[in-house]
Amino acid sequence: MNKTDVVRRVARETRLSQRVVSDVIGATHRLIEETLRDEKSVTFPGFGTFQTSQRRGGKVKHVRTGEIVEYPARRIVGFRVGEVLKRAVRGENRRGKGIAGKLSALLTPSKRRKKE
């Protein structure tokens, strides 16, 4: 599933235009990027947490030449999955119960969806 698919499904589910949904998703991405750039984490309870961490620099041996190559320290982005999402992916939550059920129902392609 790509961004276009998500925009279409959310627009249909919320009865908002695809342009509005796309703008909201874009604004959300920019906000997450800015927050991570400031070295703060972004948490969606039950869904997960975006966070940055520092990787150390070091030295490695080039396989072909045998030359020692240094690589710099850098910041990386990580995502820790929340418990509710973990359970939903494992199938431990029933649909329609809390945010995981709604996310699962929204993002799971199906021919016919039950009305809630």
PDB file of N, CA and C in Angstrom:
ATOM      1  N   MET A   1       0.851  -1.167   0.000  1.00  0.00           N
ATOM      2  CA  MET A   1       0.000   0.000   0.000  1.00  0.00           C
ATOM      3  C   MET A   1       0.899   1.232   0.000  1.00  0.00           C
ATOM      4  N   ASN A   2       0.617   2.175  -0.889  1.00  0.00           N
ATOM      5  CA  ASN A   2       1.424   3.390  -0.959  1.00  0.00           C
ATOM      6  C   ASN A   2       0.597   4.591  -0.495  1.00  0.00           C
ATOM      7  N   LYS A   3       1.191   5.781  -0.569  1.00  0.00           N
ATOM      8  CA  LYS A   3       0.522   6.980  -0.062  1.00  0.00           C
ATOM      9  C   LYS A   3      -0.804   7.235  -0.787  1.00  0.00           C
ATOM     10  N   THR A   4      -0.821   7.047  -2.087  1.00  0.00           N
ATOM     11  CA  THR A   4      -2.044   7.279  -2.854  1.00  0.00           C
ATOM     12  C   THR A   4      -3.165   6.371  -2.372  1.00  0.00           C
ATOM     13  N   ASP A   5      -2.849   5.113  -2.124  1.00  0.00           N
ATOM     14  CA  ASP A   5      -3.851   4.170  -1.624  1.00  0.00           C
ATOM     15  C   ASP A   5      -4.370   4.607  -0.248  1.00  0.00           C
ATOM     16  N   VAL A   6      -3.462   5.034   0.612  1.00  0.00           N
ATOM     17  CA  VAL A   6      -3.851   5.478   1.953  1.00  0.00           C
ATOM     18  C   VAL A   6      -4.752   6.706   1.847  1.00  0.00           C
ATOM     19  N   VAL A   7      -4.362   7.660   1.009  1.00  0.00           N
ATOM     20  CA  VAL A   7      -5.164   8.875   0.840  1.00  0.00           C
ATOM     21  C   VAL A   7      -6.573   8.523   0.372  1.00  0.00           C
ATOM     22  N   ARG A   8      -6.677   7.646  -0.603  1.00  0.00           N
ATOM     23  CA  ARG A   8      -8.002   7.251  -1.110  1.00  0.00           C
ATOM     24  C   ARG A   8      -8.853   6.591  -0.029  1.00  0.00           C
ATOM     25  N   ARG A   9      -8.251   5.665   0.711  1.00  0.00           N
ATOM     26  CA  ARG A   9      -9.009   4.933   1.739  1.00  0.00           C
ATOM     27  C   ARG A   9      -9.440   5.854   2.875  1.00  0.00           C
ATOM     28  N   VAL A  10      -8.534   6.729   3.326  1.00  0.00           N
ATOM     29  CA  VAL A  10      -8.873   7.647   4.416  1.00  0.00           C
ATOM     30  C   VAL A  10      -9.926   8.651   3.941  1.00  0.00           C
ATOM     31  N   ALA A  11      -9.802   9.134   2.716  1.00  0.00           N
ATOM     32  CA  ALA A  11     -10.794  10.074   2.175  1.00  0.00           C
ATOM     33  C   ALA A  11     -12.169   9.421   2.120  1.00  0.00           C
ATOM     34  N   ARG A  12     -12.227   8.186   1.686  1.00  0.00           N
ATOM     35  CA  ARG A  12     -13.498   7.472   1.616  1.00  0.00           C
ATOM     36  C   ARG A  12     -14.068   7.248   3.016  1.00  0.00           C
ATOM     37  N   GLU A  13     -13.213   6.860   3.960  1.00  0.00           N
ATOM     38  CA  GLU A  13     -13.652   6.561   5.323  1.00  0.00           C
ATOM     39  C   GLU A  13     -14.128   7.813   6.063  1.00  0.00           C
ATOM     40  N   THR A  14     -13.438   8.936   5.843  1.00  0.00           N
ATOM     41  CA  THR A  14     -13.751  10.164   6.580  1.00  0.00           C
ATOM     42  C   THR A  14     -14.671  11.101   5.814  1.00  0.00           C
ATOM     43  N   ARG A  15     -14.919  10.787   4.560  1.00  0.00           N
ATOM     44  CA  ARG A  15     -15.730  11.628   3.677  1.00  0.00           C
ATOM     45  C   ARG A  15     -15.125  13.012   3.486  1.00  0.00           C
ATOM     46  N   LEU A  16     -13.793  13.085   3.525  1.00  0.00           N
ATOM     47  CA  LEU A  16     -13.070  14.307   3.205  1.00  0.00           C
ATOM     48  C   LEU A  16     -12.516  14.162   1.791  1.00  0.00           C
ATOM     49  N   SER A  17     -12.152  15.284   1.180  1.00  0.00           N
ATOM     50  CA  SER A  17     -11.595  15.191  -0.169  1.00  0.00           C
ATOM     51  C   SER A  17     -10.188  14.602  -0.106  1.00  0.00           C
ATOM     52  N   GLN A  18      -9.777  13.995  -1.205  1.00  0.00           N
ATOM     53  CA  GLN A  18      -8.432  13.410  -1.255  1.00  0.00           C
ATOM     54  C   GLN A  18      -7.372  14.490  -1.095  1.00  0.00           C
ATOM     55  N   ARG A  19      -7.633  15.686  -1.596  1.00  0.00           N
ATOM     56  CA  ARG A  19      -6.671  16.780  -1.468  1.00  0.00           C
ATOM     57  C   ARG A  19      -6.478  17.164  -0.002  1.00  0.00           C
ATOM     58  N   VAL A  20      -7.566  17.259   0.749  1.00  0.00           N
ATOM     59  CA  VAL A  20      -7.476  17.598   2.171  1.00  0.00           C
ATOM     60  C   VAL A  20      -6.710  16.516   2.921  1.00  0.00           C
ATOM     61  N   VAL A  21      -7.034  15.256   2.660  1.00  0.00           N
ATOM     62  CA  VAL A  21      -6.354  14.147   3.329  1.00  0.00           C
ATOM     63  C   VAL A  21      -4.861  14.157   2.982  1.00  0.00           C
ATOM     64  N   SER A  22      -4.535  14.385   1.713  1.00  0.00           N
ATOM     65  CA  SER A  22      -3.137  14.436   1.283  1.00  0.00           C
ATOM     66  C   SER A  22      -2.399  15.578   1.975  1.00  0.00           C
ATOM     67  N   ASP A  23      -3.051  16.737   2.095  1.00  0.00           N
ATOM     68  CA  ASP A  23      -2.439  17.879   2.788  1.00  0.00           C
ATOM     69  C   ASP A  23      -2.195  17.569   4.259  1.00  0.00           C
ATOM     70  N   VAL A  24      -3.140  16.896   4.898  1.00  0.00           N
ATOM     71  CA  VAL A  24      -2.986  16.533   6.316  1.00  0.00           C
ATOM     72  C   VAL A  24      -1.826  15.557   6.486  1.00  0.00           C
ATOM     73  N   ILE A  25      -1.748  14.565   5.602  1.00  0.00           N
ATOM     74  CA  ILE A  25      -0.649  13.593   5.682  1.00  0.00           C
ATOM     75  C   ILE A  25       0.685  14.295   5.460  1.00  0.00           C
ATOM     76  N   GLY A  26       0.747  15.200   4.483  1.00  0.00           N
ATOM     77  CA  GLY A  26       1.980  15.952   4.222  1.00  0.00           C
ATOM     78  C   GLY A  26       2.386  16.801   5.411  1.00  0.00           C
ATOM     79  N   ALA A  27       1.418  17.475   6.025  1.00  0.00           N
ATOM     80  CA  ALA A  27       1.709  18.301   7.199  1.00  0.00           C
ATOM     81  C   ALA A  27       2.189  17.437   8.365  1.00  0.00           C
ATOM     82  N   THR A  28       1.592  16.262   8.511  1.00  0.00           N
ATOM     83  CA  THR A  28       2.007  15.333   9.567  1.00  0.00           C
ATOM     84  C   THR A  28       3.447  14.877   9.349  1.00  0.00           C
ATOM     85  N   HIS A  29       3.790  14.545   8.105  1.00  0.00           N
ATOM     86  CA  HIS A  29       5.167  14.129   7.794  1.00  0.00           C
ATOM     87  C   HIS A  29       6.152  15.247   8.117  1.00  0.00           C
ATOM     88  N   ARG A  30       5.813  16.483   7.703  1.00  0.00           N
ATOM     89  CA  ARG A  30       6.717  17.613   7.960  1.00  0.00           C
ATOM     90  C   ARG A  30       6.895  17.838   9.468  1.00  0.00           C
ATOM     91  N   LEU A  31       5.806  17.731  10.226  1.00  0.00           N
ATOM     92  CA  LEU A  31       5.882  17.915  11.675  1.00  0.00           C
ATOM     93  C   LEU A  31       6.759  16.847  12.321  1.00  0.00           C
ATOM     94  N   ILE A  32       6.598  15.600  11.890  1.00  0.00           N
ATOM     95  CA  ILE A  32       7.429  14.509  12.420  1.00  0.00           C
ATOM     96  C   ILE A  32       8.897  14.759  12.087  1.00  0.00           C
ATOM     97  N   GLU A  33       9.189  15.159  10.835  1.00  0.00           N
ATOM     98  CA  GLU A  33      10.570  15.444  10.430  1.00  0.00           C
ATOM     99  C   GLU A  33      11.181  16.548  11.279  1.00  0.00           C
ATOM    100  N   GLU A  34      10.446  17.658  11.461  1.00  0.00           N
ATOM    101  CA  GLU A  34      10.958  18.782  12.253  1.00  0.00           C
ATOM    102  C   GLU A  34      11.222  18.363  13.696  1.00  0.00           C
ATOM    103  N   THR A  35      10.311  17.592  14.266  1.00  0.00           N
ATOM    104  CA  THR A  35      10.463  17.153  15.651  1.00  0.00           C
ATOM    105  C   THR A  35      11.678  16.243  15.798  1.00  0.00           C
ATOM    106  N   LEU A  36      11.859  15.316  14.857  1.00  0.00           N
ATOM    107  CA  LEU A  36      13.015  14.421  14.909  1.00  0.00           C
ATOM    108  C   LEU A  36      14.318  15.190  14.672  1.00  0.00           C
ATOM    109  N   ARG A  37      14.278  16.199  13.811  1.00  0.00           N
ATOM    110  CA  ARG A  37      15.455  17.020  13.557  1.00  0.00           C
ATOM    111  C   ARG A  37      15.882  17.731  14.835  1.00  0.00           C
ATOM    112  N   ASP A  38      14.908  18.086  15.685  1.00  0.00           N
ATOM    113  CA  ASP A  38      15.195  18.729  16.977  1.00  0.00           C
ATOM    114  C   ASP A  38      15.564  17.702  18.047  1.00  0.00           C
ATOM    115  N   GLU A  39      15.762  16.450  17.646  1.00  0.00           N
ATOM    116  CA  GLU A  39      16.161  15.347  18.516  1.00  0.00           C
ATOM    117  C   GLU A  39      15.118  15.030  19.595  1.00  0.00           C
ATOM    118  N   LYS A  40      13.853  15.200  19.253  1.00  0.00           N
ATOM    119  CA  LYS A  40      12.758  14.826  20.144  1.00  0.00           C
ATOM    120  C   LYS A  40      12.041  13.642  19.523  1.00  0.00           C
ATOM    121  N   SER A  41      11.303  12.899  20.322  1.00  0.00           N
ATOM    122  CA  SER A  41      10.566  11.748  19.800  1.00  0.00           C
ATOM    123  C   SER A  41       9.113  12.122  19.539  1.00  0.00           C
ATOM    124  N   VAL A  42       8.465  11.335  18.686  1.00  0.00           N
ATOM    125  CA  VAL A  42       7.052  11.526  18.361  1.00  0.00           C
ATOM    126  C   VAL A  42       6.338  10.223  18.703  1.00  0.00           C
ATOM    127  N   THR A  43       5.345  10.309  19.597  1.00  0.00           N
ATOM    128  CA  THR A  43       4.654   9.114  20.059  1.00  0.00           C
ATOM    129  C   THR A  43       3.176   9.158  19.694  1.00  0.00           C
ATOM    130  N   PHE A  44       2.703   8.065  19.106  1.00  0.00           N
ATOM    131  CA  PHE A  44       1.284   7.844  18.869  1.00  0.00           C
ATOM    132  C   PHE A  44       0.907   6.681  19.787  1.00  0.00           C
ATOM    133  N   PRO A  45       0.232   6.970  20.911  1.00  0.00           N
ATOM    134  CA  PRO A  45      -0.063   5.910  21.885  1.00  0.00           C
ATOM    135  C   PRO A  45      -0.742   4.702  21.237  1.00  0.00           C
ATOM    136  N   GLY A  46      -0.203   3.527  21.526  1.00  0.00           N
ATOM    137  CA  GLY A  46      -0.739   2.292  20.981  1.00  0.00           C
ATOM    138  C   GLY A  46      -0.189   1.948  19.619  1.00  0.00           C
ATOM    139  N   PHE A  47       0.215   2.967  18.845  1.00  0.00           N
ATOM    140  CA  PHE A  47       0.725   2.752  17.493  1.00  0.00           C
ATOM    141  C   PHE A  47       2.240   2.597  17.500  1.00  0.00           C
ATOM    142  N   GLY A  48       2.939   3.586  18.079  1.00  0.00           N
ATOM    143  CA  GLY A  48       4.389   3.480  18.138  1.00  0.00           C
ATOM    144  C   GLY A  48       5.057   4.822  18.347  1.00  0.00           C
ATOM    145  N   THR A  49       6.398   4.791  18.377  1.00  0.00           N
ATOM    146  CA  THR A  49       7.193   5.984  18.634  1.00  0.00           C
ATOM    147  C   THR A  49       8.314   6.104  17.611  1.00  0.00           C
ATOM    148  N   PHE A  50       8.401   7.292  16.994  1.00  0.00           N
ATOM    149  CA  PHE A  50       9.523   7.628  16.124  1.00  0.00           C
ATOM    150  C   PHE A  50      10.567   8.294  16.999  1.00  0.00           C
ATOM    151  N   GLN A  51      11.826   7.895  16.850  1.00  0.00           N
ATOM    152  CA  GLN A  51      12.889   8.492  17.659  1.00  0.00           C
ATOM    153  C   GLN A  51      14.202   8.452  16.904  1.00  0.00           C
ATOM    154  N   THR A  52      15.140   9.304  17.324  1.00  0.00           N
ATOM    155  CA  THR A  52      16.469   9.308  16.718  1.00  0.00           C
ATOM    156  C   THR A  52      17.470   8.767  17.718  1.00  0.00           C
ATOM    157  N   SER A  53      18.567   8.246  17.196  1.00  0.00           N
ATOM    158  CA  SER A  53      19.663   7.816  18.058  1.00  0.00           C
ATOM    159  C   SER A  53      20.967   8.078  17.321  1.00  0.00           C
ATOM    160  N   GLN A  54      22.046   8.071  18.068  1.00  0.00           N
ATOM    161  CA  GLN A  54      23.361   8.370  17.508  1.00  0.00           C
ATOM    162  C   GLN A  54      24.118   7.074  17.244  1.00  0.00           C
ATOM    163  N   ARG A  55      24.623   6.931  16.038  1.00  0.00           N
ATOM    164  CA  ARG A  55      25.496   5.795  15.707  1.00  0.00           C
ATOM    165  C   ARG A  55      26.945   6.269  15.776  1.00  0.00           C
ATOM    166  N   ARG A  56      27.773   5.450  16.362  1.00  0.00           N
ATOM    167  CA  ARG A  56      29.198   5.793  16.443  1.00  0.00           C
ATOM    168  C   ARG A  56      29.859   5.645  15.079  1.00  0.00           C
ATOM    169  N   GLY A  57      30.882   6.419  14.860  1.00  0.00           N
ATOM    170  CA  GLY A  57      31.708   6.249  13.672  1.00  0.00           C
ATOM    171  C   GLY A  57      32.666   5.100  13.924  1.00  0.00           C
ATOM    172  N   GLY A  58      33.431   4.750  12.920  1.00  0.00           N
ATOM    173  CA  GLY A  58      34.371   3.661  13.130  1.00  0.00           C
ATOM    174  C   GLY A  58      35.236   3.406  11.914  1.00  0.00           C
ATOM    175  N   LYS A  59      35.899   2.283  11.937  1.00  0.00           N
ATOM    176  CA  LYS A  59      36.782   1.880  10.838  1.00  0.00           C
ATOM    177  C   LYS A  59      36.417   0.473  10.411  1.00  0.00           C
ATOM    178  N   VAL A  60      36.451   0.248   9.104  1.00  0.00           N
ATOM    179  CA  VAL A  60      36.218  -1.088   8.560  1.00  0.00           C
ATOM    180  C   VAL A  60      37.245  -1.360   7.475  1.00  0.00           C
ATOM    181  N   LYS A  61      37.439  -2.632   7.208  1.00  0.00           N
ATOM    182  CA  LYS A  61      38.385  -3.014   6.181  1.00  0.00           C
ATOM    183  C   LYS A  61      37.618  -3.239   4.876  1.00  0.00           C
ATOM    184  N   HIS A  62      38.049  -2.568   3.808  1.00  0.00           N
ATOM    185  CA  HIS A  62      37.416  -2.736   2.495  1.00  0.00           C
ATOM    186  C   HIS A  62      37.695  -4.155   2.016  1.00  0.00           C
ATOM    187  N   VAL A  63      36.671  -4.870   1.584  1.00  0.00           N
ATOM    188  CA  VAL A  63      36.780  -6.284   1.245  1.00  0.00           C
ATOM    189  C   VAL A  63      37.733  -6.528   0.079  1.00  0.00           C
ATOM    190  N   ARG A  64      37.618  -5.747  -0.969  1.00  0.00           N
ATOM    191  CA  ARG A  64      38.450  -5.987  -2.171  1.00  0.00           C
ATOM    192  C   ARG A  64      39.878  -5.479  -2.038  1.00  0.00           C
ATOM    193  N   THR A  65      40.022  -4.247  -1.508  1.00  0.00           N
ATOM    194  CA  THR A  65      41.350  -3.635  -1.482  1.00  0.00           C
ATOM    195  C   THR A  65      42.108  -3.890  -0.188  1.00  0.00           C
ATOM    196  N   GLY A  66      41.416  -4.221   0.874  1.00  0.00           N
ATOM    197  CA  GLY A  66      42.068  -4.410   2.159  1.00  0.00           C
ATOM    198  C   GLY A  66      42.355  -3.102   2.863  1.00  0.00           C
ATOM    199  N   GLU A  67      41.974  -1.989   2.237  1.00  0.00           N
ATOM    200  CA  GLU A  67      42.236  -0.663   2.793  1.00  0.00           C
ATOM    201  C   GLU A  67      41.299  -0.423   3.991  1.00  0.00           C
ATOM    202  N   ILE A  68      41.812   0.265   5.003  1.00  0.00           N
ATOM    203  CA  ILE A  68      40.998   0.625   6.163  1.00  0.00           C
ATOM    204  C   ILE A  68      40.239   1.905   5.813  1.00  0.00           C
ATOM    205  N   VAL A  69      38.913   1.841   5.939  1.00  0.00           N
ATOM    206  CA  VAL A  69      38.061   2.974   5.595  1.00  0.00           C
ATOM    207  C   VAL A  69      37.347   3.452   6.853  1.00  0.00           C
ATOM    208  N   GLU A  70      37.379   4.765   7.083  1.00  0.00           N
ATOM    209  CA  GLU A  70      36.681   5.333   8.227  1.00  0.00           C
ATOM    210  C   GLU A  70      35.295   5.799   7.799  1.00  0.00           C
ATOM    211  N   TYR A  71      34.334   5.632   8.700  1.00  0.00           N
ATOM    212  CA  TYR A  71      33.003   6.168   8.431  1.00  0.00           C
ATOM    213  C   TYR A  71      32.602   7.031   9.615  1.00  0.00           C
ATOM    214  N   PRO A  72      31.875   8.114   9.328  1.00  0.00           N
ATOM    215  CA  PRO A  72      31.558   9.091  10.378  1.00  0.00           C
ATOM    216  C   PRO A  72      30.409   8.655  11.280  1.00  0.00           C
ATOM    217  N   ALA A  73      30.334   9.293  12.441  1.00  0.00           N
ATOM    218  CA  ALA A  73      29.181   9.108  13.334  1.00  0.00           C
ATOM    219  C   ALA A  73      27.985   9.775  12.657  1.00  0.00           C
ATOM    220  N   ARG A  74      26.791   9.249  12.930  1.00  0.00           N
ATOM    221  CA  ARG A  74      25.608   9.848  12.309  1.00  0.00           C
ATOM    222  C   ARG A  74      24.380   9.571  13.155  1.00  0.00           C
ATOM    223  N   ARG A  75      23.356  10.379  12.912  1.00  0.00           N
ATOM    224  CA  ARG A  75      22.066  10.178  13.575  1.00  0.00           C
ATOM    225  C   ARG A  75      21.195   9.325  12.678  1.00  0.00           C
ATOM    226  N   ILE A  76      20.469   8.404  13.300  1.00  0.00           N
ATOM    227  CA  ILE A  76      19.558   7.556  12.542  1.00  0.00           C
ATOM    228  C   ILE A  76      18.154   7.655  13.149  1.00  0.00           C
ATOM    229  N   VAL A  77      17.155   7.320  12.353  1.00  0.00           N
ATOM    230  CA  VAL A  77      15.766   7.338  12.798  1.00  0.00           C
ATOM    231  C   VAL A  77      15.312   5.911  13.044  1.00  0.00           C
ATOM    232  N   GLY A  78      14.594   5.718  14.133  1.00  0.00           N
ATOM    233  CA  GLY A  78      14.054   4.406  14.435  1.00  0.00           C
ATOM    234  C   GLY A  78      12.576   4.505  14.767  1.00  0.00           C
ATOM    235  N   PHE A  79      11.904   3.366  14.739  1.00  0.00           N
ATOM    236  CA  PHE A  79      10.489   3.317  15.093  1.00  0.00           C
ATOM    237  C   PHE A  79      10.272   2.130  16.007  1.00  0.00           C
ATOM    238  N   ARG A  80       9.686   2.390  17.176  1.00  0.00           N
ATOM    239  CA  ARG A  80       9.329   1.319  18.118  1.00  0.00           C
ATOM    240  C   ARG A  80       7.833   1.096  18.025  1.00  0.00           C
ATOM    241  N   VAL A  81       7.448  -0.107  17.733  1.00  0.00           N
ATOM    242  CA  VAL A  81       6.036  -0.442  17.561  1.00  0.00           C
ATOM    243  C   VAL A  81       5.347  -0.502  18.915  1.00  0.00           C
ATOM    244  N   GLY A  82       4.155   0.087  19.000  1.00  0.00           N
ATOM    245  CA  GLY A  82       3.363   0.087  20.227  1.00  0.00           C
ATOM    246  C   GLY A  82       2.682  -1.257  20.436  1.00  0.00           C
ATOM    247  N   GLU A  83       2.290  -1.507  21.670  1.00  0.00           N
ATOM    248  CA  GLU A  83       1.675  -2.792  22.035  1.00  0.00           C
ATOM    249  C   GLU A  83       0.366  -3.055  21.295  1.00  0.00           C
ATOM    250  N   VAL A  84      -0.465  -2.031  21.162  1.00  0.00           N
ATOM    251  CA  VAL A  84      -1.759  -2.221  20.508  1.00  0.00           C
ATOM    252  C   VAL A  84      -1.562  -2.647  19.053  1.00  0.00           C
ATOM    253  N   LEU A  85      -0.633  -1.989  18.363  1.00  0.00           N
ATOM    254  CA  LEU A  85      -0.359  -2.349  16.971  1.00  0.00           C
ATOM    255  C   LEU A  85       0.245  -3.747  16.870  1.00  0.00           C
ATOM    256  N   LYS A  86       1.139  -4.096  17.804  1.00  0.00           N
ATOM    257  CA  LYS A  86       1.726  -5.442  17.812  1.00  0.00           C
ATOM    258  C   LYS A  86       0.641  -6.501  17.900  1.00  0.00           C
ATOM    259  N   ARG A  87      -0.289  -6.288  18.851  1.00  0.00           N
ATOM    260  CA  ARG A  87      -1.370  -7.259  19.033  1.00  0.00           C
ATOM    261  C   ARG A  87      -2.272  -7.321  17.805  1.00  0.00           C
ATOM    262  N   ALA A  88      -2.537  -6.171  17.204  1.00  0.00           N
ATOM    263  CA  ALA A  88      -3.402  -6.140  16.019  1.00  0.00           C
ATOM    264  C   ALA A  88      -2.766  -6.923  14.871  1.00  0.00           C
ATOM    265  N   VAL A  89      -1.457  -6.777  14.687  1.00  0.00           N
ATOM    266  CA  VAL A  89      -0.757  -7.485  13.615  1.00  0.00           C
ATOM    267  C   VAL A  89      -0.745  -8.985  13.885  1.00  0.00           C
ATOM    268  N   ARG A  90      -0.632  -9.355  15.153  1.00  0.00           N
ATOM    269  CA  ARG A  90      -0.661 -10.777  15.520  1.00  0.00           C
ATOM    270  C   ARG A  90      -2.059 -11.363  15.467  1.00  0.00           C
ATOM    271  N   GLY A  91      -3.075 -10.491  15.334  1.00  0.00           N
ATOM    272  CA  GLY A  91      -4.450 -10.963  15.294  1.00  0.00           C
ATOM    273  C   GLY A  91      -5.054 -11.169  16.663  1.00  0.00           C
ATOM    274  N   GLU A  92      -4.451 -10.576  17.696  1.00  0.00           N
ATOM    275  CA  GLU A  92      -4.943 -10.761  19.054  1.00  0.00           C
ATOM    276  C   GLU A  92      -6.073  -9.801  19.406  1.00  0.00           C
ATOM    277  N   ASN A  93      -6.225  -8.718  18.654  1.00  0.00           N
ATOM    278  CA  ASN A  93      -7.316  -7.772  18.912  1.00  0.00           C
ATOM    279  C   ASN A  93      -8.447  -8.034  17.934  1.00  0.00           C
ATOM    280  N   ARG A  94      -9.658  -7.920  18.410  1.00  0.00           N
ATOM    281  CA  ARG A  94     -10.801  -8.057  17.512  1.00  0.00           C
ATOM    282  C   ARG A  94     -11.054  -6.734  16.834  1.00  0.00           C
ATOM    283  N   ARG A  95     -11.518  -6.800  15.601  1.00  0.00           N
ATOM    284  CA  ARG A  95     -11.842  -5.574  14.882  1.00  0.00           C
ATOM    285  C   ARG A  95     -12.939  -4.814  15.601  1.00  0.00           C
ATOM    286  N   GLY A  96     -12.848  -3.505  15.487  1.00  0.00           N
ATOM    287  CA  GLY A  96     -13.858  -2.667  16.098  1.00  0.00           C
ATOM    288  C   GLY A  96     -13.561  -2.320  17.540  1.00  0.00           C
ATOM    289  N   LYS A  97     -12.488  -2.850  18.106  1.00  0.00           N
ATOM    290  CA  LYS A  97     -12.126  -2.563  19.492  1.00  0.00           C
ATOM    291  C   LYS A  97     -10.937  -1.606  19.499  1.00  0.00           C
ATOM    292  N   GLY A  98     -11.163  -0.369  19.845  1.00  0.00           N
ATOM    293  CA  GLY A  98     -10.090   0.609  19.981  1.00  0.00           C
ATOM    294  C   GLY A  98      -9.464   1.003  18.663  1.00  0.00           C
ATOM    295  N   ILE A  99      -8.361   1.728  18.752  1.00  0.00           N
ATOM    296  CA  ILE A  99      -7.703   2.276  17.577  1.00  0.00           C
ATOM    297  C   ILE A  99      -7.103   1.188  16.696  1.00  0.00           C
ATOM    298  N   ALA A 100      -6.600   0.112  17.297  1.00  0.00           N
ATOM    299  CA  ALA A 100      -5.995  -0.948  16.493  1.00  0.00           C
ATOM    300  C   ALA A 100      -7.025  -1.601  15.586  1.00  0.00           C
ATOM    301  N   GLY A 101      -8.209  -1.835  16.107  1.00  0.00           N
ATOM    302  CA  GLY A 101      -9.265  -2.424  15.293  1.00  0.00           C
ATOM    303  C   GLY A 101      -9.672  -1.505  14.157  1.00  0.00           C
ATOM    304  N   LYS A 102      -9.749  -0.210  14.448  1.00  0.00           N
ATOM    305  CA  LYS A 102     -10.116   0.752  13.413  1.00  0.00           C
ATOM    306  C   LYS A 102      -9.021   0.857  12.359  1.00  0.00           C
ATOM    307  N   LEU A 103      -7.754   0.900  12.799  1.00  0.00           N
ATOM    308  CA  LEU A 103      -6.642   0.940  11.846  1.00  0.00           C
ATOM    309  C   LEU A 103      -6.613  -0.324  10.998  1.00  0.00           C
ATOM    310  N   SER A 104      -6.782  -1.452  11.646  1.00  0.00           N
ATOM    311  CA  SER A 104      -6.775  -2.719  10.930  1.00  0.00           C
ATOM    312  C   SER A 104      -7.898  -2.766   9.908  1.00  0.00           C
ATOM    313  N   ALA A 105      -9.079  -2.329  10.300  1.00  0.00           N
ATOM    314  CA  ALA A 105     -10.222  -2.335   9.387  1.00  0.00           C
ATOM    315  C   ALA A 105     -10.014  -1.367   8.238  1.00  0.00           C
ATOM    316  N   LEU A 106      -9.403  -0.224   8.525  1.00  0.00           N
ATOM    317  CA  LEU A 106      -9.189   0.785   7.505  1.00  0.00           C
ATOM    318  C   LEU A 106      -8.123   0.375   6.504  1.00  0.00           C
ATOM    319  N   LEU A 107      -7.043  -0.221   6.993  1.00  0.00           N
ATOM    320  CA  LEU A 107      -5.898  -0.501   6.137  1.00  0.00           C
ATOM    321  C   LEU A 107      -5.884  -1.902   5.543  1.00  0.00           C
ATOM    322  N   THR A 108      -6.750  -2.791   6.015  1.00  0.00           N
ATOM    323  CA  THR A 108      -6.786  -4.143   5.495  1.00  0.00           C
ATOM    324  C   THR A 108      -7.700  -4.204   4.280  1.00  0.00           C
ATOM    325  N   PRO A 109      -7.143  -4.552   3.118  1.00  0.00           N
ATOM    326  CA  PRO A 109      -8.006  -4.638   1.940  1.00  0.00           C
ATOM    327  C   PRO A 109      -8.961  -5.824   2.064  1.00  0.00           C
ATOM    328  N   SER A 110     -10.203  -5.583   1.754  1.00  0.00           N
ATOM    329  CA  SER A 110     -11.169  -6.667   1.768  1.00  0.00           C
ATOM    330  C   SER A 110     -12.240  -6.368   0.738  1.00  0.00           C
ATOM    331  N   LYS A 111     -12.861  -7.426   0.236  1.00  0.00           N
ATOM    332  CA  LYS A 111     -13.891  -7.243  -0.779  1.00  0.00           C
ATOM    333  C   LYS A 111     -15.125  -6.618  -0.169  1.00  0.00           C
ATOM    334  N   ARG A 112     -15.523  -7.118   0.998  1.00  0.00           N
ATOM    335  CA  ARG A 112     -16.706  -6.603   1.684  1.00  0.00           C
ATOM    336  C   ARG A 112     -16.349  -6.377   3.133  1.00  0.00           C
ATOM    337  N   ARG A 113     -16.623  -5.171   3.605  1.00  0.00           N
ATOM    338  CA  ARG A 113     -16.354  -4.844   4.991  1.00  0.00           C
ATOM    339  C   ARG A 113     -17.655  -4.744   5.748  1.00  0.00           C
ATOM    340  N   LYS A 114     -17.670  -5.279   6.951  1.00  0.00           N
ATOM    341  CA  LYS A 114     -18.861  -5.199   7.790  1.00  0.00           C
ATOM    342  C   LYS A 114     -19.064  -3.751   8.224  1.00  0.00           C
ATOM    343  N   LYS A 115     -20.306  -3.306   8.280  1.00  0.00           N
ATOM    344  CA  LYS A 115     -20.592  -1.969   8.787  1.00  0.00           C
ATOM    345  C   LYS A 115     -20.548  -2.007  10.294  1.00  0.00           C
ATOM    346  N   GLU A 116     -19.894  -0.978  10.867  1.00  0.00           N
ATOM    347  CA  GLU A 116     -19.758  -0.920  12.326  1.00  0.00           C
ATOM    348  C   GLU A 116     -20.843  -0.071  12.909  1.00  0.00           C
TER     349      GLU A 116
END
